[in-house]
């Protein structure tokens, strides 16, 4: 008879004994999984959920972005589930995209303590068109005594002790790393358990698929324009092979596709929002996704260096993101380094650019 698939609880029980973070970390991740099941049920109901009359719609969050009713409900589901279990899990505080400042929780008992950072509903702009959305989370240790303050959250990504995301699509999946590989669990709705269906995910080093929002092309830096133009040139071009382009406008969905079959995802720095280094949040979007990708054999970079080594300065700090198949990420880093040295003259020279309003000089003018 085939073996019964491993449940998330069994997996955590096998992975955490002997760890300095046991048993609290297992309890915290179980609480997150409980919240994920609740959010999955909400998103599955779609327009039938009838939640809008009770919530302030048409408003922006503290970062100036439109806020959906399900953004608020997902945030509340995570806060509620984690508050209830905080004394057992050791959760000392949490921070969310949907609130400006962190929230301290009642003091836990003896044992390790943690901080949880999360984006409760990534890709929520896709809700109205029924495209996959997700939840992203990151767990850090909180070692000082007493209530956590903002500086305690500002730890670089390489200090994470757990990270993951849930994706709400045809199936609900929870993808998780504890620093020993990246593993995917699928929600069995009949049993109400997450079952291990994708152990030890591995991203191929090479790929012929990239994901980027080309509507921002005129605002990109030169190394990104160079990389994308080579991909679009296909087999006759410098890369000597054809590439496929994808864009879903949901980081969870983009990263999930890369973990399942490879690829590279770029949300680079651009000049559209002046003075902003990137669009994605370092602490609760870029860092957890970067660690998941690295643990699956891929790479994650700002274009100039490893994402997980970026020192955080603020809770909602933004950062450029390039992640996925290692060879492509390293190529993009190399293009940035060559541009800084002035070694990409062939690409920058007008002799190699289109004779149109979209030449690099015009891009520079429109970014002002």
Protein backbone atom coordinates (compact mmCIF):
# COMPACT_ATOMS: atom_id res chain seq x y z
CA UNK A 1 0.00 0.00 0.00
CA UNK A 2 1.24 3.53 -0.72
CA UNK A 3 2.42 5.46 2.32
CA UNK A 4 0.18 8.13 3.76
CA UNK A 5 1.54 11.60 2.91
CA UNK A 6 3.24 13.48 5.72
CA UNK A 7 1.14 16.17 7.37
CA UNK A 8 2.53 19.61 8.16
CA UNK A 9 2.36 18.78 11.88
CA UNK A 10 4.33 15.58 11.36
CA UNK A 11 6.88 17.38 9.21
CA UNK A 12 7.46 20.03 11.87
CA UNK A 13 7.70 17.39 14.58
CA UNK A 14 10.41 15.62 12.56
CA UNK A 15 12.32 18.77 11.60
CA UNK A 16 12.36 20.74 14.85
CA UNK A 17 13.39 18.36 17.69
CA UNK A 18 16.81 19.36 18.89
CA UNK A 19 16.47 22.80 17.31
CA UNK A 20 16.96 25.79 19.62
CA UNK A 21 13.64 27.10 18.24
CA UNK A 22 11.60 24.06 19.27
CA UNK A 23 8.80 23.74 20.32
CA UNK A 24 7.58 27.31 19.97
CA UNK A 25 8.35 27.66 16.26
CA UNK A 26 6.24 24.61 15.42
CA UNK A 27 3.30 26.10 17.29
CA UNK A 28 3.70 29.46 15.55
CA UNK A 29 3.77 27.86 12.09
CA UNK A 30 0.71 25.80 13.00
CA UNK A 31 -1.07 29.05 13.93
CA UNK A 32 -0.08 30.56 10.57
CA UNK A 33 -1.41 27.45 8.80
CA UNK A 34 -4.71 27.83 10.64
CA UNK A 35 -5.00 31.44 9.48
CA UNK A 36 -4.12 30.38 5.92
CA UNK A 37 -7.03 27.93 5.90
CA UNK A 38 -9.36 30.71 7.00
CA UNK A 39 -8.04 33.11 4.33
CA UNK A 40 -8.36 30.34 1.71
CA UNK A 41 -12.03 29.96 2.58
CA UNK A 42 -12.57 33.72 2.30
CA UNK A 43 -10.85 34.02 -1.08
CA UNK A 44 -12.66 30.93 -2.42
CA UNK A 45 -16.03 32.58 -1.81
CA UNK A 46 -15.10 35.56 -3.99
CA UNK A 47 -18.06 37.85 -4.63
CA UNK A 48 -20.24 35.57 -2.47
CA UNK A 49 -18.31 36.55 0.67
CA UNK A 50 -20.52 39.62 1.28
CA UNK A 51 -17.90 41.32 3.46
CA UNK A 52 -17.76 44.73 1.87
CA UNK A 53 -20.54 46.60 3.72
CA UNK A 54 -18.78 46.23 7.09
CA UNK A 55 -15.41 47.56 5.98
CA UNK A 56 -14.17 50.97 4.79
CA UNK A 57 -13.59 50.53 1.07
CA UNK A 58 -12.05 52.88 -1.45
CA UNK A 59 -9.40 53.92 1.08
CA UNK A 60 -5.62 53.69 0.89
CA UNK A 61 -3.43 52.01 3.49
CA UNK A 62 -0.68 53.92 5.29
CA UNK A 63 1.62 53.36 2.27
CA UNK A 64 -0.80 55.08 -0.08
CA UNK A 65 -2.03 51.93 -1.80
CA UNK A 66 -5.67 50.96 -2.42
CA UNK A 67 -6.93 48.63 0.30
CA UNK A 68 -9.39 45.82 -0.42
CA UNK A 69 -11.82 44.35 2.09
CA UNK A 70 -10.02 41.01 1.84
CA UNK A 71 -6.69 42.72 2.67
CA UNK A 72 -8.19 43.70 6.02
CA UNK A 73 -9.85 40.33 6.64
CA UNK A 74 -6.65 38.43 5.84
CA UNK A 75 -4.71 40.67 8.21
CA UNK A 76 -7.29 40.10 10.94
CA UNK A 77 -7.22 36.33 10.41
CA UNK A 78 -3.45 36.16 10.90
CA UNK A 79 -3.45 38.48 13.91
CA UNK A 80 -6.29 36.58 15.58
CA UNK A 81 -4.79 33.10 15.04
CA UNK A 82 -1.34 34.16 16.21
CA UNK A 83 -2.57 36.15 19.21
CA UNK A 84 -4.48 33.13 20.52
CA UNK A 85 -1.41 30.91 20.40
CA UNK A 86 1.24 33.47 21.32
CA UNK A 87 1.79 32.32 24.91
CA UNK A 88 2.56 28.79 23.73
CA UNK A 89 4.41 29.68 20.52
CA UNK A 90 6.57 32.41 22.04
CA UNK A 91 5.40 35.02 19.53
CA UNK A 92 6.42 38.36 21.05
CA UNK A 93 5.25 40.67 18.28
CA UNK A 94 4.07 40.93 14.71
CA UNK A 95 4.22 43.40 11.83
CA UNK A 96 1.99 43.57 8.77
CA UNK A 97 1.83 45.45 5.49
CA UNK A 98 -1.60 46.65 6.58
CA UNK A 99 -0.46 48.49 9.72
CA UNK A 100 2.15 51.18 10.06
CA UNK A 101 3.79 50.06 13.30
CA UNK A 102 4.53 46.63 14.84
CA UNK A 103 2.21 45.15 17.42
CA UNK A 104 3.52 43.67 20.67
CA UNK A 105 1.80 40.60 22.12
CA UNK A 106 1.40 39.46 25.74
CA UNK A 107 4.63 38.21 27.20
CA UNK A 108 5.30 34.55 26.52
CA UNK A 109 6.63 32.06 29.02
CA UNK A 110 10.07 30.48 29.09
CA UNK A 111 11.76 29.45 25.85
CA UNK A 112 12.65 31.09 22.54
CA UNK A 113 10.63 34.04 21.37
CA UNK A 114 9.81 35.14 17.82
CA UNK A 115 8.68 38.01 15.63
CA UNK A 116 6.30 37.46 12.70
CA UNK A 117 6.24 39.76 9.65
CA UNK A 118 3.71 39.23 6.87
CA UNK A 119 1.94 40.49 3.79
CA UNK A 120 -1.55 39.12 4.48
CA UNK A 121 -2.81 39.18 0.88
CA UNK A 122 -0.17 39.64 -1.80
CA UNK A 123 -1.55 40.43 -5.25
CA UNK A 124 -4.88 41.65 -3.93
CA UNK A 125 -5.33 43.81 -7.06
CA UNK A 126 -6.06 40.48 -8.78
CA UNK A 127 -9.05 39.63 -6.58
CA UNK A 128 -11.61 41.19 -8.89
CA UNK A 129 -10.38 39.15 -11.88
CA UNK A 130 -10.11 35.83 -9.96
CA UNK A 131 -6.35 35.39 -10.35
CA UNK A 132 -4.26 33.62 -7.70
CA UNK A 133 -3.30 35.65 -4.63
CA UNK A 134 -1.32 34.66 -1.58
CA UNK A 135 0.11 35.31 1.89
CA UNK A 136 3.83 35.82 2.56
CA UNK A 137 5.44 35.51 6.00
CA UNK A 138 8.82 35.69 7.72
CA UNK A 139 9.84 34.60 11.24
CA UNK A 140 12.73 36.15 13.17
CA UNK A 141 14.10 35.44 16.64
CA UNK A 142 13.49 37.96 19.39
CA UNK A 143 16.31 37.39 21.85
CA UNK A 144 16.25 40.47 24.13
CA UNK A 145 14.10 40.40 27.23
CA UNK A 146 11.01 42.55 27.33
CA UNK A 147 8.60 43.86 24.76
CA UNK A 148 9.97 44.13 21.20
CA UNK A 149 10.50 47.58 19.73
CA UNK A 150 10.87 48.58 16.08
CA UNK A 151 14.69 48.09 15.95
CA UNK A 152 14.27 44.44 16.97
CA UNK A 153 12.44 43.76 13.70
CA UNK A 154 15.15 45.29 11.53
CA UNK A 155 17.19 42.13 11.03
CA UNK A 156 18.73 41.14 7.67
CA UNK A 157 17.10 38.28 5.80
CA UNK A 158 19.86 35.79 6.52
CA UNK A 159 18.72 35.80 10.17
CA UNK A 160 15.28 34.38 9.38
CA UNK A 161 14.41 31.12 11.16
CA UNK A 162 11.39 30.30 8.98
CA UNK A 163 9.75 31.77 5.90
CA UNK A 164 7.00 30.82 3.54
CA UNK A 165 3.96 31.70 1.54
CA UNK A 166 0.48 30.40 0.86
CA UNK A 167 -1.02 30.52 -2.61
CA UNK A 168 -4.79 30.52 -3.07
CA UNK A 169 -5.44 29.04 -6.50
CA UNK A 170 -7.22 25.93 -7.81
CA UNK A 171 -5.51 24.30 -4.81
CA UNK A 172 -4.29 26.01 -1.66
CA UNK A 173 -0.61 25.39 -1.03
CA UNK A 174 1.73 26.34 1.80
CA UNK A 175 5.42 26.53 0.80
CA UNK A 176 7.89 26.63 3.68
CA UNK A 177 11.55 26.66 4.58
CA UNK A 178 13.23 26.20 7.95
CA UNK A 179 16.68 26.57 6.39
CA UNK A 180 16.86 22.93 5.28
CA UNK A 181 15.34 23.00 1.81
CA UNK A 182 12.06 24.34 0.47
CA UNK A 183 8.96 22.15 0.79
CA UNK A 184 5.41 22.44 -0.54
CA UNK A 185 2.24 21.33 1.27
CA UNK A 186 -1.21 21.08 -0.32
CA UNK A 187 -4.37 21.64 1.69
CA UNK A 188 -6.56 18.53 1.78
CA UNK A 189 -9.96 20.09 2.31
CA UNK A 190 -11.58 16.77 3.23
CA UNK A 191 -9.18 16.20 6.13
CA UNK A 192 -8.42 19.83 6.97
CA UNK A 193 -4.66 19.17 6.90
CA UNK A 194 -1.74 20.38 4.85
CA UNK A 195 -0.02 17.36 3.28
CA UNK A 196 3.57 17.28 2.02
CA UNK A 197 3.24 17.00 -1.77
CA UNK A 198 6.37 18.78 -3.03
CA UNK A 199 9.39 17.90 -0.85
CA UNK A 200 12.81 19.41 -1.59
CA UNK A 201 11.81 21.74 -4.39
CA UNK A 202 14.69 22.51 -6.77
CA UNK A 203 14.98 25.41 -9.22
CA UNK A 204 17.01 24.57 -12.36
CA UNK A 205 20.09 26.77 -12.78
CA UNK A 206 19.14 27.66 -16.35
CA UNK A 207 15.83 28.84 -17.76
CA UNK A 208 14.21 30.31 -20.85
CA UNK A 209 11.41 32.09 -19.01
CA UNK A 210 11.38 35.53 -17.42
CA UNK A 211 8.74 37.63 -15.66
CA UNK A 212 8.72 41.42 -15.66
CA UNK A 213 6.21 44.23 -16.12
CA UNK A 214 7.28 45.62 -19.50
CA UNK A 215 4.91 48.59 -19.19
CA UNK A 216 7.67 50.13 -17.03
CA UNK A 217 10.38 49.55 -19.64
CA UNK A 218 11.03 53.23 -20.30
CA UNK A 219 11.85 53.71 -16.60
CA UNK A 220 14.31 50.81 -16.25
CA UNK A 221 18.02 51.10 -15.65
CA UNK A 222 20.31 50.21 -18.57
CA UNK A 223 21.36 46.73 -17.33
CA UNK A 224 17.72 45.62 -17.06
CA UNK A 225 16.88 46.99 -20.51
CA UNK A 226 19.90 45.13 -21.87
CA UNK A 227 18.86 41.84 -20.28
CA UNK A 228 15.23 42.01 -21.40
CA UNK A 229 16.13 43.13 -24.93
CA UNK A 230 18.41 40.09 -25.29
CA UNK A 231 15.65 37.78 -24.08
CA UNK A 232 13.14 39.32 -26.50
CA UNK A 233 15.60 39.01 -29.40
CA UNK A 234 15.32 35.23 -29.06
CA UNK A 235 17.31 32.70 -31.05
CA UNK A 236 18.74 35.21 -33.57
CA UNK A 237 20.03 37.42 -30.76
CA UNK A 238 22.96 37.32 -28.35
CA UNK A 239 21.43 34.60 -26.16
CA UNK A 240 20.94 32.19 -29.06
CA UNK A 241 17.60 30.83 -27.83
CA UNK A 242 13.98 31.84 -27.48
CA UNK A 243 12.52 33.03 -24.19
CA UNK A 244 8.94 33.14 -22.91
CA UNK A 245 7.74 36.13 -20.92
CA UNK A 246 5.22 35.91 -18.07
CA UNK A 247 3.63 38.50 -15.79
CA UNK A 248 0.84 37.88 -13.26
CA UNK A 249 1.19 40.94 -10.98
CA UNK A 250 1.26 38.66 -7.92
CA UNK A 251 4.67 37.94 -6.40
CA UNK A 252 3.38 34.75 -4.79
CA UNK A 253 2.18 33.41 -8.14
CA UNK A 254 5.42 34.41 -9.91
CA UNK A 255 7.66 32.78 -7.29
CA UNK A 256 5.46 29.70 -7.14
CA UNK A 257 5.83 29.18 -10.89
CA UNK A 258 9.61 29.55 -10.58
CA UNK A 259 9.76 26.97 -7.76
CA UNK A 260 7.68 24.55 -9.82
CA UNK A 261 9.52 24.84 -13.16
CA UNK A 262 12.24 27.50 -13.08
CA UNK A 263 12.45 31.03 -14.39
CA UNK A 264 13.53 34.47 -13.27
CA UNK A 265 11.41 37.25 -11.75
CA UNK A 266 12.42 40.90 -11.92
CA UNK A 267 10.88 43.85 -10.12
CA UNK A 268 13.87 46.15 -10.60
CA UNK A 269 14.61 49.64 -9.51
CA UNK A 270 13.15 52.18 -11.93
CA UNK A 271 12.77 55.92 -12.16
CA UNK A 272 8.95 56.00 -12.18
CA UNK A 273 8.69 56.81 -8.45
CA UNK A 274 11.61 59.27 -8.01
CA UNK A 275 13.83 58.52 -5.05
CA UNK A 276 12.33 55.10 -4.35
CA UNK A 277 14.86 52.24 -4.58
CA UNK A 278 12.29 49.59 -5.49
CA UNK A 279 8.65 48.56 -5.28
CA UNK A 280 8.66 45.41 -3.12
CA UNK A 281 9.05 45.45 0.67
CA UNK A 282 12.27 44.04 1.99
CA UNK A 283 11.12 42.68 5.33
CA UNK A 284 7.93 40.77 4.52
CA UNK A 285 8.07 40.23 0.75
CA UNK A 286 11.63 40.17 -0.60
CA UNK A 287 13.41 38.50 2.34
CA UNK A 288 11.10 35.48 2.80
CA UNK A 289 10.85 34.87 -0.96
CA UNK A 290 14.61 35.22 -1.37
CA UNK A 291 15.26 32.61 1.31
CA UNK A 292 12.75 30.18 -0.18
CA UNK A 293 14.39 30.56 -3.58
CA UNK A 294 17.92 30.16 -2.21
CA UNK A 295 16.92 27.06 -0.27
CA UNK A 296 15.61 25.61 -3.54
CA UNK A 297 18.97 26.15 -5.27
CA UNK A 298 18.16 29.51 -6.88
CA UNK A 299 19.53 32.98 -6.23
CA UNK A 300 18.05 36.31 -5.12
CA UNK A 301 19.64 39.70 -5.65
CA UNK A 302 19.03 43.43 -5.77
CA UNK A 303 20.97 43.43 -9.03
CA UNK A 304 24.03 44.52 -7.08
CA UNK A 305 24.29 41.86 -4.37
CA UNK A 306 22.57 39.22 -2.28
CA UNK A 307 19.11 40.25 -1.11
CA UNK A 308 19.41 38.47 2.24
CA UNK A 309 22.40 40.64 3.16
CA UNK A 310 20.62 43.99 2.68
CA UNK A 311 20.65 45.85 6.02
CA UNK A 312 17.10 47.00 6.85
CA UNK A 313 16.62 50.61 7.91
CA UNK A 314 12.83 50.74 8.28
CA UNK A 315 9.92 48.34 8.58
CA UNK A 316 8.34 49.07 5.19
CA UNK A 317 11.60 49.58 3.31
CA UNK A 318 11.43 48.87 -0.43
CA UNK A 319 14.06 47.16 -2.51
CA UNK A 320 14.68 46.03 -6.11
CA UNK A 321 14.24 42.27 -6.55
CA UNK A 322 15.74 39.79 -9.03
CA UNK A 323 15.27 36.13 -8.13
CA UNK A 324 15.00 32.66 -9.63
CA UNK A 325 17.29 30.43 -11.70
CA UNK A 326 20.85 31.05 -10.57
CA UNK A 327 22.50 31.52 -13.97
CA UNK A 328 20.05 34.27 -14.99
CA UNK A 329 20.32 36.14 -11.68
CA UNK A 330 24.11 36.06 -11.91
CA UNK A 331 23.95 37.34 -15.50
CA UNK A 332 21.80 40.30 -14.44
CA UNK A 333 24.23 41.07 -11.61
CA UNK A 334 27.07 40.95 -14.12
CA UNK A 335 25.27 43.40 -16.42
CA UNK A 336 24.92 45.84 -13.52
CA UNK A 337 28.62 45.50 -12.69
CA UNK A 338 29.61 46.00 -16.35
CA UNK A 339 27.44 49.11 -16.57
CA UNK A 340 29.04 50.59 -13.47
CA UNK A 341 32.49 50.00 -15.01
CA UNK A 342 31.39 51.36 -18.40
CA UNK A 343 31.97 47.99 -20.09
CA UNK A 344 28.55 47.84 -21.79
CA UNK A 345 29.30 50.50 -24.41
CA UNK A 346 28.02 48.34 -27.26
CA UNK A 347 24.53 48.26 -25.75
CA UNK A 348 24.47 51.91 -24.65
CA UNK A 349 25.86 53.31 -27.93
CA UNK A 350 23.26 54.96 -30.23
CA UNK A 351 24.53 52.74 -33.06
CA UNK A 352 22.94 49.77 -31.30
CA UNK A 353 19.67 51.43 -30.28
CA UNK A 354 16.33 51.81 -31.99
CA UNK A 355 15.94 55.01 -34.05
CA UNK A 356 12.73 56.10 -32.39
CA UNK A 357 11.26 58.12 -29.57
CA UNK A 358 12.02 55.15 -27.29
CA UNK A 359 15.82 55.44 -27.47
CA UNK A 360 17.58 55.62 -24.05
CA UNK A 361 17.96 59.41 -24.26
CA UNK A 362 14.18 59.74 -24.52
CA UNK A 363 13.69 57.37 -21.58
CA UNK A 364 16.01 59.54 -19.48
CA UNK A 365 14.00 62.64 -20.39
CA UNK A 366 10.61 61.12 -19.51
CA UNK A 367 11.81 59.98 -16.10
CA UNK A 368 12.30 63.51 -14.86
